[in-house]
Amino acid sequence: MSHMDEAAITNLLKRAAVACGLARALSAPDQSTHGAVLALQQGFDLPEGESLRRVLSAWQGVPVELLGDEHTRLFGPATRCPPWETAWGDAKRFGGRTFELADIAGMYRAFGLKLSEKNHERPDHIVAQLEFIGALLMQLAWAQADNKTESAEITRDALAQFLQQHAGRWVGAFADAVRDAGAHAAYVAVARAAAEFVLGECGRALVEPQSPVQGAPCAETEPDCVACPMATDPAPGCGTKPAQSTRQTVDGVDVPDRLRDDLSALFGV
């Protein structure tokens, strides 16, 4: 393996560590949170390094009890800053919440991954999306190190698709909402760092987010958000009856069976 290949693989692993560190920082905090957030040091030499440094500075010395209270205030039942992609409804989400959740979950399944049954969280949660990005970056590093060209190409395409169609669309609006909610500096910093990192990954994947979210989120009490651009009346917003999709299954990306087996062994799922 050439020095250039080794450097590329190391870079992928650093970015995977950053994705997982950001996910941990946005999860419900416990006594292990501060240690887990230190993984962000791995990305200090990335273009987003300064925002990662600000996270560690803002988190230093903050009691876990204070973090827990603030996490509940921001992301708990009151959902001042909804941490779910499909909470950010707009007229560009043609298929509605049901379709988007199926699409995201389908991508996870295509790579042999599924959400933990302990957390009972939706697949569009910011933490799940960051962890998936981290998993894809690790898978890409593994495929390149093992000279698995086909696996690397599939993983690279899936990462680009996920960034363009999902994570990249709403993470900036999410970070703005955390800031505007008057959040503790620790959460303002990590939300902004997550946005910069995801958008940085979009740039590295040479994609632009598809129809970036604009405006405020819709109420999480509503079942779906569907807007039809062909409607003669103004496009309906939250509270309309969810559209019935004719698509029965969503596979996300086409992954050969043998690659599914490899991923299952890699991630232990």
Protein backbone atom coordinates (compact mmCIF):
# COMPACT_ATOMS: atom_id res chain seq x y z
CA MET A 1 0.00 0.00 0.00
CA SER A 2 1.37 3.41 -0.96
CA HIS A 3 1.87 6.28 1.44
CA MET A 4 -0.90 8.15 -0.38
CA ASP A 5 -3.32 5.24 0.16
CA GLU A 6 -2.44 5.07 3.85
CA ALA A 7 -3.03 8.80 4.24
CA ALA A 8 -6.43 8.54 2.53
CA ILE A 9 -7.50 5.65 4.78
CA THR A 10 -6.32 7.49 7.89
CA ASN A 11 -8.32 10.53 6.81
CA LEU A 12 -11.47 8.42 6.40
CA LEU A 13 -11.03 6.92 9.85
CA LYS A 14 -10.55 10.38 11.38
CA ARG A 15 -13.76 11.57 9.77
CA ALA A 16 -15.58 8.48 11.00
CA ALA A 17 -14.40 9.22 14.54
CA VAL A 18 -15.64 12.81 14.22
CA ALA A 19 -19.05 11.68 13.00
CA CYS A 20 -19.38 9.29 15.93
CA GLY A 21 -18.12 11.90 18.39
CA LEU A 22 -20.70 14.42 17.18
CA ALA A 23 -23.41 11.78 17.41
CA ARG A 24 -22.40 11.00 20.98
CA ALA A 25 -22.43 14.69 21.92
CA LEU A 26 -25.98 15.04 20.59
CA SER A 27 -27.19 11.90 22.38
CA ALA A 28 -28.69 12.04 25.87
CA PRO A 29 -25.65 12.73 28.08
CA ASP A 30 -24.33 10.44 30.79
CA GLN A 31 -21.10 10.03 32.72
CA SER A 32 -19.28 8.73 29.62
CA THR A 33 -20.23 11.63 27.36
CA HIS A 34 -17.27 13.91 28.01
CA GLY A 35 -14.83 11.10 27.27
CA ALA A 36 -16.64 10.15 24.08
CA VAL A 37 -16.65 13.74 22.82
CA LEU A 38 -12.85 13.76 22.96
CA ALA A 39 -13.00 11.77 19.70
CA LEU A 40 -13.50 15.13 18.00
CA GLN A 41 -9.77 15.76 18.47
CA GLN A 42 -9.25 13.35 15.58
CA GLY A 43 -10.63 15.98 13.23
CA PHE A 44 -8.60 19.00 14.30
CA ASP A 45 -6.70 18.92 11.01
CA LEU A 46 -9.88 18.82 8.91
CA PRO A 47 -11.26 22.01 7.35
CA GLU A 48 -13.90 21.92 10.12
CA GLY A 49 -11.22 21.63 12.79
CA GLU A 50 -11.80 25.05 14.33
CA SER A 51 -15.47 24.31 14.98
CA LEU A 52 -14.48 21.01 16.59
CA ARG A 53 -12.02 22.83 18.85
CA ARG A 54 -14.84 25.15 19.90
CA VAL A 55 -16.94 22.15 20.89
CA LEU A 56 -14.29 20.76 23.23
CA SER A 57 -13.72 24.21 24.70
CA ALA A 58 -17.44 24.77 25.29
CA TRP A 59 -17.92 21.33 26.85
CA GLN A 60 -14.95 21.56 29.21
CA GLY A 61 -16.06 21.47 32.83
CA VAL A 62 -19.81 21.50 32.13
CA PRO A 63 -21.57 19.18 34.61
CA VAL A 64 -23.37 16.24 33.02
CA GLU A 65 -26.50 17.16 35.01
CA LEU A 66 -26.62 20.57 33.36
CA LEU A 67 -26.10 18.97 29.94
CA GLY A 68 -28.92 16.55 30.66
CA ASP A 69 -31.35 19.30 31.59
CA GLU A 70 -30.45 21.30 28.51
CA HIS A 71 -30.68 18.25 26.25
CA THR A 72 -34.22 17.62 27.52
CA ARG A 73 -35.18 21.27 27.09
CA LEU A 74 -33.93 21.39 23.50
CA PHE A 75 -34.67 17.92 22.17
CA GLY A 76 -37.13 16.42 24.64
CA PRO A 77 -40.94 16.34 24.56
CA ALA A 78 -41.23 20.09 23.96
CA THR A 79 -39.04 19.70 20.82
CA ARG A 80 -37.81 23.27 20.70
CA CYS A 81 -35.20 22.07 18.23
CA PRO A 82 -36.52 18.90 16.57
CA PRO A 83 -33.63 16.46 16.00
CA TRP A 84 -35.51 14.59 13.24
CA GLU A 85 -35.12 15.32 9.54
CA THR A 86 -38.80 14.85 8.75
CA ALA A 87 -39.83 17.33 11.44
CA TRP A 88 -38.52 19.98 9.10
CA GLY A 89 -41.47 19.97 6.72
CA ASP A 90 -41.57 22.04 3.59
CA ALA A 91 -43.11 21.93 0.14
CA LYS A 92 -40.05 20.20 -1.29
CA ARG A 93 -40.65 16.94 0.58
CA PHE A 94 -42.95 15.53 -2.10
CA GLY A 95 -43.36 11.99 -0.78
CA GLY A 96 -44.13 12.99 2.78
CA ARG A 97 -42.77 11.81 6.11
CA THR A 98 -43.72 8.17 5.61
CA PHE A 99 -41.79 7.90 2.36
CA GLU A 100 -38.74 9.72 3.73
CA LEU A 101 -38.54 7.49 6.81
CA ALA A 102 -38.81 4.41 4.61
CA ASP A 103 -36.06 5.71 2.34
CA ILE A 104 -33.70 6.37 5.26
CA ALA A 105 -34.41 3.05 6.93
CA GLY A 106 -33.94 1.32 3.58
CA MET A 107 -30.45 2.73 3.27
CA TYR A 108 -29.58 1.50 6.74
CA ARG A 109 -30.91 -1.98 5.92
CA ALA A 110 -28.97 -2.08 2.66
CA PHE A 111 -25.77 -1.88 4.71
CA GLY A 112 -26.87 -4.42 7.28
CA LEU A 113 -27.53 -1.82 9.96
CA LYS A 114 -30.58 -1.14 12.11
CA LEU A 115 -31.47 1.12 14.99
CA SER A 116 -30.97 -0.08 18.53
CA GLU A 117 -34.20 -1.42 19.99
CA LYS A 118 -33.26 0.08 23.37
CA ASN A 119 -33.52 3.70 22.21
CA HIS A 120 -36.80 3.46 20.25
CA GLU A 121 -35.69 6.33 18.03
CA ARG A 122 -36.73 7.17 14.49
CA PRO A 123 -34.26 6.59 11.64
CA ASP A 124 -34.21 10.30 10.74
CA HIS A 125 -32.78 11.36 14.12
CA ILE A 126 -29.63 13.49 13.86
CA VAL A 127 -27.73 10.99 16.01
CA ALA A 128 -28.68 8.04 13.79
CA GLN A 129 -27.75 9.95 10.65
CA LEU A 130 -24.34 10.96 12.01
CA GLU A 131 -23.64 7.39 13.13
CA PHE A 132 -24.60 6.12 9.67
CA ILE A 133 -22.21 8.59 8.04
CA GLY A 134 -19.52 7.36 10.42
CA ALA A 135 -20.28 3.73 9.57
CA LEU A 136 -20.06 4.44 5.84
CA LEU A 137 -16.75 6.23 6.29
CA MET A 138 -15.39 3.26 8.25
CA GLN A 139 -16.69 0.87 5.61
CA LEU A 140 -15.06 2.92 2.89
CA ALA A 141 -11.72 2.89 4.74
CA TRP A 142 -11.98 -0.87 5.21
CA ALA A 143 -12.83 -1.44 1.54
CA GLN A 144 -9.93 0.69 0.34
CA ALA A 145 -7.48 -0.95 2.73
CA ASP A 146 -8.57 -4.37 1.47
CA ASN A 147 -8.54 -3.28 -2.20
CA LYS A 148 -12.26 -4.08 -2.55
CA THR A 149 -12.96 -1.72 -5.44
CA GLU A 150 -16.60 -2.66 -5.88
CA SER A 151 -17.37 -2.31 -2.18
CA ALA A 152 -15.63 1.06 -2.08
CA GLU A 153 -17.58 2.34 -5.08
CA ILE A 154 -20.93 1.21 -3.64
CA THR A 155 -20.17 2.75 -0.26
CA ARG A 156 -18.94 6.02 -1.77
CA ASP A 157 -22.08 6.31 -3.89
CA ALA A 158 -24.32 5.54 -0.91
CA LEU A 159 -22.59 8.16 1.22
CA ALA A 160 -22.97 10.79 -1.49
CA GLN A 161 -26.65 9.90 -1.92
CA PHE A 162 -27.36 10.02 1.81
CA LEU A 163 -25.62 13.37 2.22
CA GLN A 164 -27.36 14.89 -0.78
CA GLN A 165 -30.88 13.60 -0.14
CA HIS A 166 -30.99 13.53 3.65
CA ALA A 167 -28.35 14.72 6.14
CA GLY A 168 -27.15 17.68 4.10
CA ARG A 169 -30.66 19.05 3.59
CA TRP A 170 -31.57 20.00 7.14
CA VAL A 171 -28.54 20.03 9.42
CA GLY A 172 -27.93 23.74 8.85
CA ALA A 173 -31.52 24.62 9.82
CA PHE A 174 -31.18 22.39 12.87
CA ALA A 175 -28.01 24.20 14.00
CA ASP A 176 -29.69 27.58 13.51
CA ALA A 177 -32.65 26.44 15.62
CA VAL A 178 -30.35 25.38 18.47
CA ARG A 179 -28.66 28.77 18.39
CA ASP A 180 -31.95 30.66 18.21
CA ALA A 181 -33.35 28.69 21.16
CA GLY A 182 -30.74 30.28 23.40
CA ALA A 183 -29.08 26.93 24.01
CA HIS A 184 -26.10 26.42 26.27
CA ALA A 185 -22.83 27.14 24.49
CA ALA A 186 -21.98 23.43 24.50
CA TYR A 187 -24.98 22.58 22.32
CA VAL A 188 -24.69 25.66 20.12
CA ALA A 189 -21.10 24.63 19.38
CA VAL A 190 -21.81 20.96 18.70
CA ALA A 191 -24.85 21.66 16.51
CA ARG A 192 -22.83 24.12 14.42
CA ALA A 193 -19.91 21.70 14.23
CA ALA A 194 -22.27 18.94 13.07
CA ALA A 195 -23.61 21.23 10.35
CA GLU A 196 -20.13 22.22 9.20
CA PHE A 197 -18.95 18.61 9.22
CA VAL A 198 -21.92 17.27 7.24
CA LEU A 199 -21.69 20.07 4.70
CA GLY A 200 -17.95 19.46 4.53
CA GLU A 201 -18.68 15.83 3.74
CA CYS A 202 -21.02 17.00 0.99
CA GLY A 203 -18.15 18.96 -0.49
CA ARG A 204 -15.77 16.03 -0.23
CA ALA A 205 -18.38 13.83 -1.93
CA LEU A 206 -18.84 16.49 -4.64
CA VAL A 207 -22.57 16.82 -4.05
CA GLU A 208 -24.86 19.68 -3.05
CA PRO A 209 -27.77 19.11 -0.66
CA GLN A 210 -31.01 18.54 -2.53
CA SER A 211 -33.60 21.25 -1.83
CA PRO A 212 -32.14 22.50 1.49
CA VAL A 213 -34.74 23.05 4.21
CA GLN A 214 -35.95 26.60 4.66
CA GLY A 215 -37.88 28.06 7.57
CA ALA A 216 -39.14 26.64 10.83
CA PRO A 217 -39.98 23.00 11.53
CA CYS A 218 -43.54 21.78 11.46
CA ALA A 219 -45.31 20.60 14.60
CA GLU A 220 -44.23 17.13 15.67
CA THR A 221 -47.77 16.36 16.78
CA GLU A 222 -48.86 16.16 13.16
CA PRO A 223 -48.70 12.77 11.40
CA ASP A 224 -47.07 13.90 8.18
CA CYS A 225 -46.16 16.80 5.93
CA VAL A 226 -47.01 16.41 2.27
CA ALA A 227 -47.13 19.06 -0.42
CA CYS A 228 -48.25 18.50 -3.98
CA PRO A 229 -46.76 20.89 -6.57
CA MET A 230 -49.62 20.03 -8.94
CA ALA A 231 -52.33 21.18 -6.54
CA THR A 232 -54.59 24.02 -7.71
CA ASP A 233 -55.11 25.19 -4.13
CA PRO A 234 -52.19 26.38 -2.01
CA ALA A 235 -49.95 23.46 -1.11
CA PRO A 236 -51.19 21.82 2.08
CA GLY A 237 -48.88 21.82 5.04
CA CYS A 238 -48.80 19.85 8.25
CA GLY A 239 -52.00 18.17 9.29
CA THR A 240 -52.98 16.89 5.87
CA LYS A 241 -53.62 13.20 5.37
CA PRO A 242 -50.40 11.38 4.47
CA ALA A 243 -50.07 10.45 0.84
CA GLN A 244 -50.30 6.74 0.09
CA SER A 245 -47.14 5.70 -1.68
CA THR A 246 -47.39 2.98 -4.30
CA ARG A 247 -43.81 2.00 -3.53
CA GLN A 248 -43.93 -1.04 -1.27
CA THR A 249 -40.26 -1.41 -0.41
CA VAL A 250 -37.25 0.85 -0.47
CA ASP A 251 -33.88 -0.83 -0.86
CA GLY A 252 -31.81 2.35 -0.70
CA VAL A 253 -28.83 1.14 -2.68
CA ASP A 254 -28.17 -2.08 -4.51
CA VAL A 255 -25.66 -4.03 -2.43
CA PRO A 256 -24.56 -7.56 -3.37
CA ASP A 257 -25.36 -10.32 -0.85
CA ARG A 258 -21.71 -11.00 -0.18
CA LEU A 259 -21.16 -7.36 0.76
CA ARG A 260 -24.09 -7.51 3.13
CA ASP A 261 -22.37 -10.47 4.80
CA ASP A 262 -19.07 -8.57 4.99
CA LEU A 263 -20.78 -5.56 6.59
CA SER A 264 -22.64 -7.73 9.05
CA ALA A 265 -19.34 -9.20 10.18
CA LEU A 266 -17.71 -5.78 10.33
CA PHE A 267 -20.37 -4.06 12.42
CA GLY A 268 -21.53 -7.08 14.39
CA VAL A 269 -25.14 -6.89 13.27
